[in-house]
């Protein structure tokens, strides 16, 4: 490969990482708070938007102010609220985040919830939350700060006979099934004591404001952390159909299987009817950030770098290999017309894991399968980045990876067998050796994944 060709690939690597990091910076949680609301004395002012009217909430008329924050962005969301909350307003709350804070607020109980699988703190945080909400009355205002990852991090089975080990196995089976996140969360809603609107129902008389960081399509906000505070739009029939289609019942532990076999329409009735309607009447929500904001920020940076930008989110929730084939076909068609091209695709792909997967995640899996296609275009300036906004890809320390037309050849030079790494879901060791992992550390945010496909003109200086 010529020096010029190497330089072009390096330019693409730099450009792709610049777009991804710019998008992360643009979606700062604190900045999003300021765009959506502010305090005028003790009055909370929610700014108007295309979908929401302005609202003024005098917090000093409430005797109790509670905050429940959970998910991958729980700490950053809580810190952003506490920094802006008037000092004379005192609150109590629960925070369940991936890590413990460096500095604790004595009014908050902190838990380190598990992800992608729940742990003891996931149960403890859910129990503490329900206990706190149990005493909320008309004189109580509750902030719910909800972000992706909350489905595992705040969890408690409806059936008290189901143990933590069985709950972990339940979540593990769902994740490995190949089902979409919406389908997985539909099943979770019927399993959990804190999902499907049940946190709102735990404090029916209290005024409640849910602030969301959406790691799902905006049309499906009910899937954020399995909809703990919003009305559940799913049905028991949909849950049963998903269980059957993915053959999940025979894979569940016996107590979990027995629970789902005993489910009746009474479970669905818990989140519907007059009592539920009253609880949700006192519930407002606002989406602080979404994947839409994330991909738009990446587009802005790509345009600054002189790329023709196309956004295609068609393959959201597709199998990773199918998504790769679709996007690369579209990419090659588009770059024939626009040689300096950036194709952006947001959302998530699905991966059906083997019995003993290695180290990696859906982004690195997508990147490696795409590298086989790019290898057919040796010498051409083409690159692809796939990474998660939370900074964590599966069970690896990376957010994702970047590949180009030389990735497969370089991997073989390092004595890797890329086909075997792909089959074993063991992609992180390969990308780490090549120096092509994207490392950000946990970002304190969660706005789904971003795929960036880049091409330069071959004769471009």
Protein backbone atom coordinates (compact mmCIF):
# COMPACT_ATOMS: atom_id res chain seq x y z
CA UNK A 1 0.00 0.00 0.00
CA UNK A 2 1.32 3.44 -0.94
CA UNK A 3 2.08 6.16 1.57
CA UNK A 4 -0.75 8.20 0.06
CA UNK A 5 -3.26 5.36 0.52
CA UNK A 6 -2.21 4.90 4.14
CA UNK A 7 -2.59 8.64 4.74
CA UNK A 8 -6.15 8.56 3.37
CA UNK A 9 -7.12 5.71 5.66
CA UNK A 10 -5.64 7.58 8.61
CA UNK A 11 -7.69 10.62 7.59
CA UNK A 12 -10.85 8.51 7.56
CA UNK A 13 -10.05 7.01 10.96
CA UNK A 14 -9.53 10.50 12.37
CA UNK A 15 -12.70 11.86 10.74
CA UNK A 16 -14.88 9.01 11.99
CA UNK A 17 -13.64 9.33 15.55
CA UNK A 18 -14.07 13.12 15.39
CA UNK A 19 -17.72 12.69 14.38
CA UNK A 20 -18.41 10.20 17.14
CA UNK A 21 -16.71 12.23 19.88
CA UNK A 22 -18.35 15.46 18.69
CA UNK A 23 -21.76 13.78 18.92
CA UNK A 24 -20.99 12.65 22.47
CA UNK A 25 -19.96 16.17 23.49
CA UNK A 26 -22.99 17.79 21.84
CA UNK A 27 -25.30 15.49 23.81
CA UNK A 28 -24.05 16.60 27.22
CA UNK A 29 -26.73 15.87 29.83
CA UNK A 30 -26.30 19.16 31.68
CA UNK A 31 -26.74 21.18 28.49
CA UNK A 32 -29.88 19.21 27.68
CA UNK A 33 -31.37 20.10 31.10
CA UNK A 34 -30.83 23.79 30.37
CA UNK A 35 -32.47 23.49 26.95
CA UNK A 36 -35.58 21.87 28.44
CA UNK A 37 -36.11 23.46 31.84
CA UNK A 38 -34.89 25.94 34.43
CA UNK A 39 -35.79 27.18 37.90
CA UNK A 40 -37.25 30.60 38.65
CA UNK A 41 -36.83 30.67 42.39
CA UNK A 42 -38.65 27.57 43.62
CA UNK A 43 -40.71 27.29 40.41
CA UNK A 44 -39.72 24.71 37.82
CA UNK A 45 -40.24 26.03 34.29
CA UNK A 46 -40.40 23.49 31.48
CA UNK A 47 -39.60 25.13 28.16
CA UNK A 48 -42.03 24.73 25.26
CA UNK A 49 -41.19 22.47 22.34
CA UNK A 50 -42.87 21.21 19.20
CA UNK A 51 -44.59 18.48 21.21
CA UNK A 52 -44.95 20.00 24.70
CA UNK A 53 -46.48 23.17 26.08
CA UNK A 54 -44.63 25.31 28.65
CA UNK A 55 -45.37 24.29 32.23
CA UNK A 56 -44.71 26.05 35.54
CA UNK A 57 -44.53 23.91 38.68
CA UNK A 58 -44.18 25.72 42.03
CA UNK A 59 -42.21 23.14 43.98
CA UNK A 60 -42.52 25.04 47.26
CA UNK A 61 -46.18 24.04 47.50
CA UNK A 62 -45.14 20.42 48.09
CA UNK A 63 -44.04 19.10 51.48
CA UNK A 64 -41.93 16.32 49.97
CA UNK A 65 -39.70 16.30 46.90
CA UNK A 66 -38.43 12.89 45.81
CA UNK A 67 -36.01 11.94 43.05
CA UNK A 68 -35.62 8.44 41.61
CA UNK A 69 -32.72 8.19 39.15
CA UNK A 70 -31.69 4.97 37.46
CA UNK A 71 -30.00 3.70 34.32
CA UNK A 72 -26.61 4.18 32.69
CA UNK A 73 -26.96 7.97 32.88
CA UNK A 74 -28.40 8.00 36.41
CA UNK A 75 -25.43 9.75 37.98
CA UNK A 76 -25.06 12.47 35.35
CA UNK A 77 -28.81 13.13 35.31
CA UNK A 78 -28.98 13.32 39.11
CA UNK A 79 -25.96 15.62 39.31
CA UNK A 80 -27.45 17.89 36.64
CA UNK A 81 -30.72 18.18 38.59
CA UNK A 82 -29.04 18.73 41.97
CA UNK A 83 -26.78 21.45 40.51
CA UNK A 84 -29.84 23.35 39.25
CA UNK A 85 -32.27 22.69 42.09
CA UNK A 86 -32.72 25.72 44.40
CA UNK A 87 -30.82 25.14 47.63
CA UNK A 88 -33.82 25.73 49.87
CA UNK A 89 -35.57 22.75 48.29
CA UNK A 90 -34.63 19.59 50.16
CA UNK A 91 -35.33 16.20 48.72
CA UNK A 92 -34.89 12.50 49.35
CA UNK A 93 -34.15 9.92 46.75
CA UNK A 94 -32.64 6.82 45.24
CA UNK A 95 -29.92 6.63 42.60
CA UNK A 96 -29.05 3.34 40.91
CA UNK A 97 -26.10 3.81 38.56
CA UNK A 98 -23.28 1.71 37.06
CA UNK A 99 -20.75 3.16 39.53
CA UNK A 100 -20.70 4.81 42.95
CA UNK A 101 -20.34 8.62 43.10
CA UNK A 102 -17.06 10.23 44.11
CA UNK A 103 -19.05 12.57 46.34
CA UNK A 104 -22.32 11.50 47.95
CA UNK A 105 -25.35 13.61 48.74
CA UNK A 106 -26.52 12.44 52.15
CA UNK A 107 -30.16 12.75 51.12
CA UNK A 108 -29.73 10.15 48.36
CA UNK A 109 -29.38 6.38 48.75
CA UNK A 110 -26.90 5.12 46.16
CA UNK A 111 -26.86 1.66 44.60
CA UNK A 112 -24.60 0.08 41.99
CA UNK A 113 -26.99 -1.75 39.72
CA UNK A 114 -25.95 -4.52 37.38
CA UNK A 115 -25.93 -4.33 33.58
CA UNK A 116 -26.66 -6.09 31.30
CA UNK A 117 -27.73 -8.46 34.09
CA UNK A 118 -29.28 -7.39 37.43
CA UNK A 119 -27.44 -7.87 40.71
CA UNK A 120 -28.21 -7.63 44.43
CA UNK A 121 -28.18 -3.82 44.28
CA UNK A 122 -30.71 -3.93 41.43
CA UNK A 123 -33.13 -5.66 43.80
CA UNK A 124 -32.20 -3.45 46.76
CA UNK A 125 -32.64 -0.25 44.74
CA UNK A 126 -36.06 -1.36 43.50
CA UNK A 127 -37.17 -2.24 47.04
CA UNK A 128 -35.92 1.12 48.37
CA UNK A 129 -37.71 2.95 45.55
CA UNK A 130 -41.04 1.21 46.16
CA UNK A 131 -40.74 1.86 49.91
CA UNK A 132 -40.10 5.57 49.29
CA UNK A 133 -43.00 5.88 46.85
CA UNK A 134 -45.37 4.02 49.15
CA UNK A 135 -45.48 7.06 51.44
CA UNK A 136 -45.96 9.62 48.65
CA UNK A 137 -49.26 11.50 48.81
CA UNK A 138 -50.82 14.57 47.18
CA UNK A 139 -48.27 16.75 48.95
CA UNK A 140 -45.39 14.95 47.16
CA UNK A 141 -43.61 15.76 43.90
CA UNK A 142 -41.48 13.06 42.30
CA UNK A 143 -38.71 13.47 39.73
CA UNK A 144 -38.05 10.28 37.78
CA UNK A 145 -34.72 10.46 35.91
CA UNK A 146 -34.72 7.49 33.55
CA UNK A 147 -32.12 6.29 31.07
CA UNK A 148 -31.33 3.16 29.10
CA UNK A 149 -29.98 0.21 31.03
CA UNK A 150 -32.57 0.80 33.75
CA UNK A 151 -34.37 -2.45 32.92
CA UNK A 152 -31.55 -4.47 34.48
CA UNK A 153 -30.27 -1.92 36.98
CA UNK A 154 -33.61 -1.46 38.78
CA UNK A 155 -35.37 -4.81 38.94
CA UNK A 156 -37.63 -6.85 41.19
CA UNK A 157 -39.83 -9.79 40.14
CA UNK A 158 -43.59 -9.57 40.71
CA UNK A 159 -43.42 -13.10 42.08
CA UNK A 160 -41.52 -13.10 45.37
CA UNK A 161 -40.62 -16.78 44.90
CA UNK A 162 -38.33 -15.92 41.99
CA UNK A 163 -34.74 -15.58 43.20
CA UNK A 164 -32.01 -13.23 42.05
CA UNK A 165 -30.22 -16.12 40.31
CA UNK A 166 -33.37 -16.99 38.40
CA UNK A 167 -33.93 -13.34 37.54
CA UNK A 168 -30.40 -13.12 36.17
CA UNK A 169 -31.01 -16.26 34.08
CA UNK A 170 -34.29 -14.73 32.83
CA UNK A 171 -32.53 -11.55 31.66
CA UNK A 172 -29.65 -13.54 30.18
CA UNK A 173 -32.04 -15.69 28.15
CA UNK A 174 -33.84 -12.63 26.79
CA UNK A 175 -30.61 -10.89 25.79
CA UNK A 176 -29.26 -13.96 23.96
CA UNK A 177 -32.55 -14.72 22.20
CA UNK A 178 -32.10 -12.43 19.20
CA UNK A 179 -35.30 -10.55 20.06
CA UNK A 180 -35.44 -6.79 19.54
CA UNK A 181 -35.15 -4.47 22.52
CA UNK A 182 -38.85 -3.60 22.22
CA UNK A 183 -39.78 -7.28 22.32
CA UNK A 184 -37.44 -7.95 25.25
CA UNK A 185 -38.91 -5.06 27.21
CA UNK A 186 -42.46 -6.20 26.49
CA UNK A 187 -41.68 -9.48 28.25
CA UNK A 188 -39.89 -7.68 31.09
CA UNK A 189 -42.97 -5.53 31.79
CA UNK A 190 -45.00 -8.60 32.70
CA UNK A 191 -42.23 -10.04 34.86
CA UNK A 192 -41.30 -7.00 36.92
CA UNK A 193 -42.77 -5.18 39.90
CA UNK A 194 -41.25 -1.86 38.75
CA UNK A 195 -41.86 -1.85 34.99
CA UNK A 196 -44.85 -1.30 32.75
CA UNK A 197 -45.97 1.83 34.61
CA UNK A 198 -45.76 0.26 38.05
CA UNK A 199 -43.53 2.97 39.57
CA UNK A 200 -46.17 5.57 38.71
CA UNK A 201 -48.83 3.30 40.20
CA UNK A 202 -46.78 3.01 43.41
CA UNK A 203 -47.48 6.72 44.07
CA UNK A 204 -50.84 7.33 42.37
CA UNK A 205 -51.67 10.61 44.14
CA UNK A 206 -48.26 12.26 43.83
CA UNK A 207 -47.39 14.68 41.05
CA UNK A 208 -44.71 13.10 38.89
CA UNK A 209 -42.32 14.31 36.18
CA UNK A 210 -40.34 11.75 34.19
CA UNK A 211 -37.26 13.06 32.38
CA UNK A 212 -35.98 10.58 29.82
CA UNK A 213 -32.78 9.91 27.93
CA UNK A 214 -34.23 7.81 25.13
CA UNK A 215 -32.20 4.82 23.98
CA UNK A 216 -35.12 3.66 21.82
CA UNK A 217 -36.90 5.09 18.75
CA UNK A 218 -38.97 8.14 19.69
CA UNK A 219 -42.10 6.35 18.51
CA UNK A 220 -41.50 3.76 21.23
CA UNK A 221 -40.69 5.75 24.38
CA UNK A 222 -42.46 3.08 26.38
CA UNK A 223 -39.40 0.87 25.91
CA UNK A 224 -37.02 3.16 27.84
CA UNK A 225 -36.10 1.06 30.89
CA UNK A 226 -39.24 -0.98 30.12
CA UNK A 227 -41.61 1.95 30.77
CA UNK A 228 -41.56 2.21 34.58
CA UNK A 229 -43.64 5.41 34.77
CA UNK A 230 -45.54 5.63 31.46
CA UNK A 231 -48.74 3.76 30.56
CA UNK A 232 -48.02 0.32 29.15
CA UNK A 233 -49.27 0.02 25.57
CA UNK A 234 -48.37 -3.66 25.22
CA UNK A 235 -50.76 -6.56 25.73
CA UNK A 236 -50.49 -9.92 27.44
CA UNK A 237 -51.15 -11.55 24.06
CA UNK A 238 -48.10 -9.78 22.61
CA UNK A 239 -46.00 -11.02 25.51
CA UNK A 240 -47.16 -14.59 24.97
CA UNK A 241 -46.50 -14.38 21.24
CA UNK A 242 -42.91 -13.23 21.83
CA UNK A 243 -42.34 -16.04 24.35
CA UNK A 244 -43.56 -18.57 21.79
CA UNK A 245 -41.77 -17.15 18.75
CA UNK A 246 -38.35 -17.22 20.39
CA UNK A 247 -39.01 -20.51 22.26
CA UNK A 248 -38.24 -18.80 25.56
CA UNK A 249 -40.41 -20.74 28.00
CA UNK A 250 -38.34 -23.93 27.80
CA UNK A 251 -35.17 -21.89 28.38
CA UNK A 252 -36.38 -20.11 31.53
CA UNK A 253 -35.70 -21.43 35.07
CA UNK A 254 -38.60 -23.48 36.43
CA UNK A 255 -39.92 -20.76 38.77
CA UNK A 256 -39.89 -18.18 35.97
CA UNK A 257 -41.57 -20.61 33.60
CA UNK A 258 -44.25 -21.38 36.20
CA UNK A 259 -44.84 -17.66 36.72
CA UNK A 260 -45.43 -16.97 33.03
CA UNK A 261 -47.64 -20.04 32.70
CA UNK A 262 -49.84 -18.69 35.49
CA UNK A 263 -50.20 -15.17 34.08
CA UNK A 264 -53.77 -14.03 33.62
CA UNK A 265 -55.54 -10.93 32.40
CA UNK A 266 -55.49 -9.66 36.00
CA UNK A 267 -51.81 -8.78 35.55
CA UNK A 268 -52.56 -6.55 32.57
CA UNK A 269 -55.46 -5.00 34.50
CA UNK A 270 -53.02 -3.71 37.16
CA UNK A 271 -51.75 -1.05 34.76
CA UNK A 272 -55.16 -0.18 33.27
CA UNK A 273 -58.51 0.92 34.63
CA UNK A 274 -59.58 3.82 36.87
CA UNK A 275 -56.75 3.55 39.42
CA UNK A 276 -54.11 3.52 36.70
CA UNK A 277 -55.79 6.37 34.84
CA UNK A 278 -55.70 8.48 38.03
CA UNK A 279 -52.00 7.75 38.58
CA UNK A 280 -51.04 8.60 35.01
CA UNK A 281 -53.17 11.77 35.12
CA UNK A 282 -50.62 13.07 37.61
CA UNK A 283 -47.66 12.04 35.43
CA UNK A 284 -45.85 14.28 32.97
CA UNK A 285 -42.78 13.44 30.91
CA UNK A 286 -40.16 15.09 28.74
CA UNK A 287 -37.41 13.60 26.56
CA UNK A 288 -34.17 15.45 27.32
CA UNK A 289 -32.08 13.67 24.69
CA UNK A 290 -32.61 10.97 22.10
CA UNK A 291 -30.73 9.11 19.43
CA UNK A 292 -32.10 11.71 17.01
CA UNK A 293 -29.98 14.38 18.74
CA UNK A 294 -26.95 12.08 18.68
CA UNK A 295 -27.02 11.34 14.95
CA UNK A 296 -27.79 14.97 14.07
CA UNK A 297 -24.69 16.11 15.96
CA UNK A 298 -22.60 13.59 14.02
CA UNK A 299 -24.09 14.90 10.78
CA UNK A 300 -23.11 18.46 11.66
CA UNK A 301 -19.50 17.41 12.21
CA UNK A 302 -19.42 15.38 8.98
CA UNK A 303 -20.68 18.37 7.01
CA UNK A 304 -18.01 20.56 8.62
CA UNK A 305 -15.43 18.07 7.32
CA UNK A 306 -16.80 18.36 3.79
CA UNK A 307 -18.65 15.06 3.48
CA UNK A 308 -21.91 14.54 1.66
CA UNK A 309 -24.10 13.09 4.43
CA UNK A 310 -26.87 10.54 4.11
CA UNK A 311 -28.77 9.14 7.14
CA UNK A 312 -30.34 5.70 6.92
CA UNK A 313 -31.85 4.15 10.06
CA UNK A 314 -33.75 1.45 8.18
CA UNK A 315 -31.86 -1.43 9.80
CA UNK A 316 -32.62 -0.50 13.41
CA UNK A 317 -33.13 -3.70 15.44
CA UNK A 318 -32.00 -5.91 12.54
CA UNK A 319 -29.66 -8.86 12.93
CA UNK A 320 -26.11 -7.47 12.79
CA UNK A 321 -25.10 -9.42 9.66
CA UNK A 322 -28.27 -8.42 7.77
CA UNK A 323 -27.75 -4.81 8.81
CA UNK A 324 -24.15 -4.92 7.58
CA UNK A 325 -25.16 -6.30 4.17
CA UNK A 326 -27.89 -3.68 3.79
CA UNK A 327 -25.80 -0.67 4.82
CA UNK A 328 -22.75 -1.65 2.79
CA UNK A 329 -24.86 -2.19 -0.33
CA UNK A 330 -26.38 1.26 0.17
CA UNK A 331 -22.94 2.71 0.90
CA UNK A 332 -21.38 1.41 -2.32
CA UNK A 333 -24.35 2.64 -4.37
CA UNK A 334 -24.19 6.12 -2.83
CA UNK A 335 -20.43 6.58 -3.11
CA UNK A 336 -20.64 5.95 -6.85
CA UNK A 337 -22.55 9.26 -7.00
CA UNK A 338 -20.89 11.06 -4.09
CA UNK A 339 -17.23 9.99 -3.76
CA UNK A 340 -16.71 12.00 -0.54
CA UNK A 341 -19.49 10.33 1.38
CA UNK A 342 -20.61 9.84 4.97
CA UNK A 343 -23.44 7.36 5.54
CA UNK A 344 -24.79 7.53 9.10
CA UNK A 345 -26.98 4.90 10.71
CA UNK A 346 -28.23 5.04 14.28
CA UNK A 347 -30.07 2.66 16.55
CA UNK A 348 -29.07 -0.86 17.54
CA UNK A 349 -28.51 -4.20 15.86
CA UNK A 350 -29.23 -7.55 17.45
CA UNK A 351 -26.85 -10.43 18.12
CA UNK A 352 -27.86 -13.98 19.00
CA UNK A 353 -25.02 -15.11 21.25
CA UNK A 354 -23.40 -18.51 21.31
CA UNK A 355 -23.39 -20.61 24.49
CA UNK A 356 -19.95 -19.30 25.53
CA UNK A 357 -19.31 -15.95 23.83
CA UNK A 358 -15.91 -14.31 24.06
CA UNK A 359 -15.14 -10.64 24.68
CA UNK A 360 -16.96 -8.14 22.50
CA UNK A 361 -20.32 -6.58 21.77
CA UNK A 362 -22.78 -5.88 18.99
CA UNK A 363 -20.79 -2.90 17.65
CA UNK A 364 -17.53 -4.81 17.31
CA UNK A 365 -19.42 -7.78 15.87
CA UNK A 366 -20.99 -5.49 13.26
CA UNK A 367 -17.62 -3.86 12.50
CA UNK A 368 -15.80 -7.16 11.97
CA UNK A 369 -18.43 -8.69 9.69
CA UNK A 370 -18.35 -5.43 7.69
CA UNK A 371 -14.57 -5.62 7.41
CA UNK A 372 -14.89 -8.73 5.23
CA UNK A 373 -16.85 -6.69 2.68
CA UNK A 374 -14.44 -3.75 2.81
CA UNK A 375 -11.52 -6.13 2.21
CA UNK A 376 -12.83 -6.62 -1.35
CA UNK A 377 -11.94 -2.99 -2.09
CA UNK A 378 -8.25 -3.10 -1.21
CA UNK A 379 -6.48 0.17 -1.89
CA UNK A 380 -9.66 2.27 -1.82
CA UNK A 381 -10.18 4.88 0.92
CA UNK A 382 -13.11 3.34 2.81
CA UNK A 383 -13.70 3.01 6.56
CA UNK A 384 -16.49 2.17 9.00
CA UNK A 385 -16.96 2.94 12.69
CA UNK A 386 -19.57 1.39 14.95
CA UNK A 387 -19.78 2.39 18.62
CA UNK A 388 -22.19 2.87 21.50
CA UNK A 389 -22.96 6.22 23.09
CA UNK A 390 -22.69 4.68 26.58
CA UNK A 391 -19.01 3.84 25.97
CA UNK A 392 -19.58 0.14 26.69
CA UNK A 393 -19.96 -2.50 24.00
CA UNK A 394 -21.25 -5.77 25.42
CA UNK A 395 -18.84 -7.30 27.94
CA UNK A 396 -15.81 -5.45 26.57
CA UNK A 397 -14.04 -2.29 27.79
CA UNK A 398 -14.52 -0.65 24.38
CA UNK A 399 -17.36 1.45 22.99
CA UNK A 400 -16.88 -0.15 19.57
CA UNK A 401 -14.34 -0.35 16.77
CA UNK A 402 -13.27 1.07 13.43
CA UNK A 403 -12.43 -0.99 10.34
CA UNK A 404 -11.17 -0.30 6.82
CA UNK A 405 -10.10 -2.18 3.69
CA UNK A 406 -6.94 -3.46 5.42
CA UNK A 407 -8.48 -4.77 8.66
CA UNK A 408 -8.81 -8.44 7.67
CA UNK A 409 -5.31 -8.57 6.15
CA UNK A 410 -3.76 -6.90 9.20
CA UNK A 411 -5.60 -9.28 11.52
CA UNK A 412 -4.16 -12.27 9.68
CA UNK A 413 -0.68 -10.75 9.89
CA UNK A 414 -1.15 -10.69 13.67
CA UNK A 415 -2.04 -14.42 13.46
CA UNK A 416 -5.74 -13.94 14.15
CA UNK A 417 -8.42 -15.98 12.42
CA UNK A 418 -11.08 -13.31 11.80
CA UNK A 419 -13.74 -15.86 10.81
CA UNK A 420 -13.21 -17.70 14.11
CA UNK A 421 -13.27 -14.47 16.12
CA UNK A 422 -16.57 -13.57 14.46
CA UNK A 423 -18.11 -17.00 15.05
CA UNK A 424 -16.99 -17.02 18.70
CA UNK A 425 -18.23 -13.46 19.37
CA UNK A 426 -14.67 -12.73 20.46
CA UNK A 427 -13.94 -9.54 18.55
CA UNK A 428 -12.39 -7.26 21.18
CA UNK A 429 -9.00 -9.07 21.38
CA UNK A 430 -8.60 -8.72 17.61
CA UNK A 431 -9.44 -5.01 17.53
CA UNK A 432 -7.32 -4.33 20.60
CA UNK A 433 -4.28 -5.91 18.95
CA UNK A 434 -4.85 -3.80 15.82
CA UNK A 435 -5.27 -0.61 17.87
CA UNK A 436 -8.71 -0.09 16.35
CA UNK A 437 -10.98 -0.18 19.40
CA UNK A 438 -12.88 2.98 20.30
CA UNK A 439 -12.20 3.66 23.98
CA UNK A 440 -14.14 6.36 25.83
CA UNK A 441 -14.88 4.71 29.15
CA UNK A 442 -18.45 4.95 30.52
CA UNK A 443 -19.87 8.21 29.19
CA UNK A 444 -22.70 8.70 31.67
CA UNK A 445 -25.06 8.80 28.70
CA UNK A 446 -27.01 6.28 26.66
CA UNK A 447 -28.47 7.28 23.28
CA UNK A 448 -28.03 4.01 21.38
CA UNK A 449 -25.34 3.24 18.81
CA UNK A 450 -23.91 5.06 15.82
CA UNK A 451 -22.52 3.57 12.63
CA UNK A 452 -20.39 5.80 10.41
CA UNK A 453 -19.41 4.69 6.89
CA UNK A 454 -16.91 6.95 5.12
CA UNK A 455 -15.45 7.18 1.62
CA UNK A 456 -12.98 9.60 0.01
CA UNK A 457 -12.27 10.28 -3.64
CA UNK A 458 -9.41 8.03 -4.69
CA UNK A 459 -7.60 10.94 -6.34
CA UNK A 460 -8.36 13.39 -3.52
CA UNK A 461 -5.35 15.22 -2.12
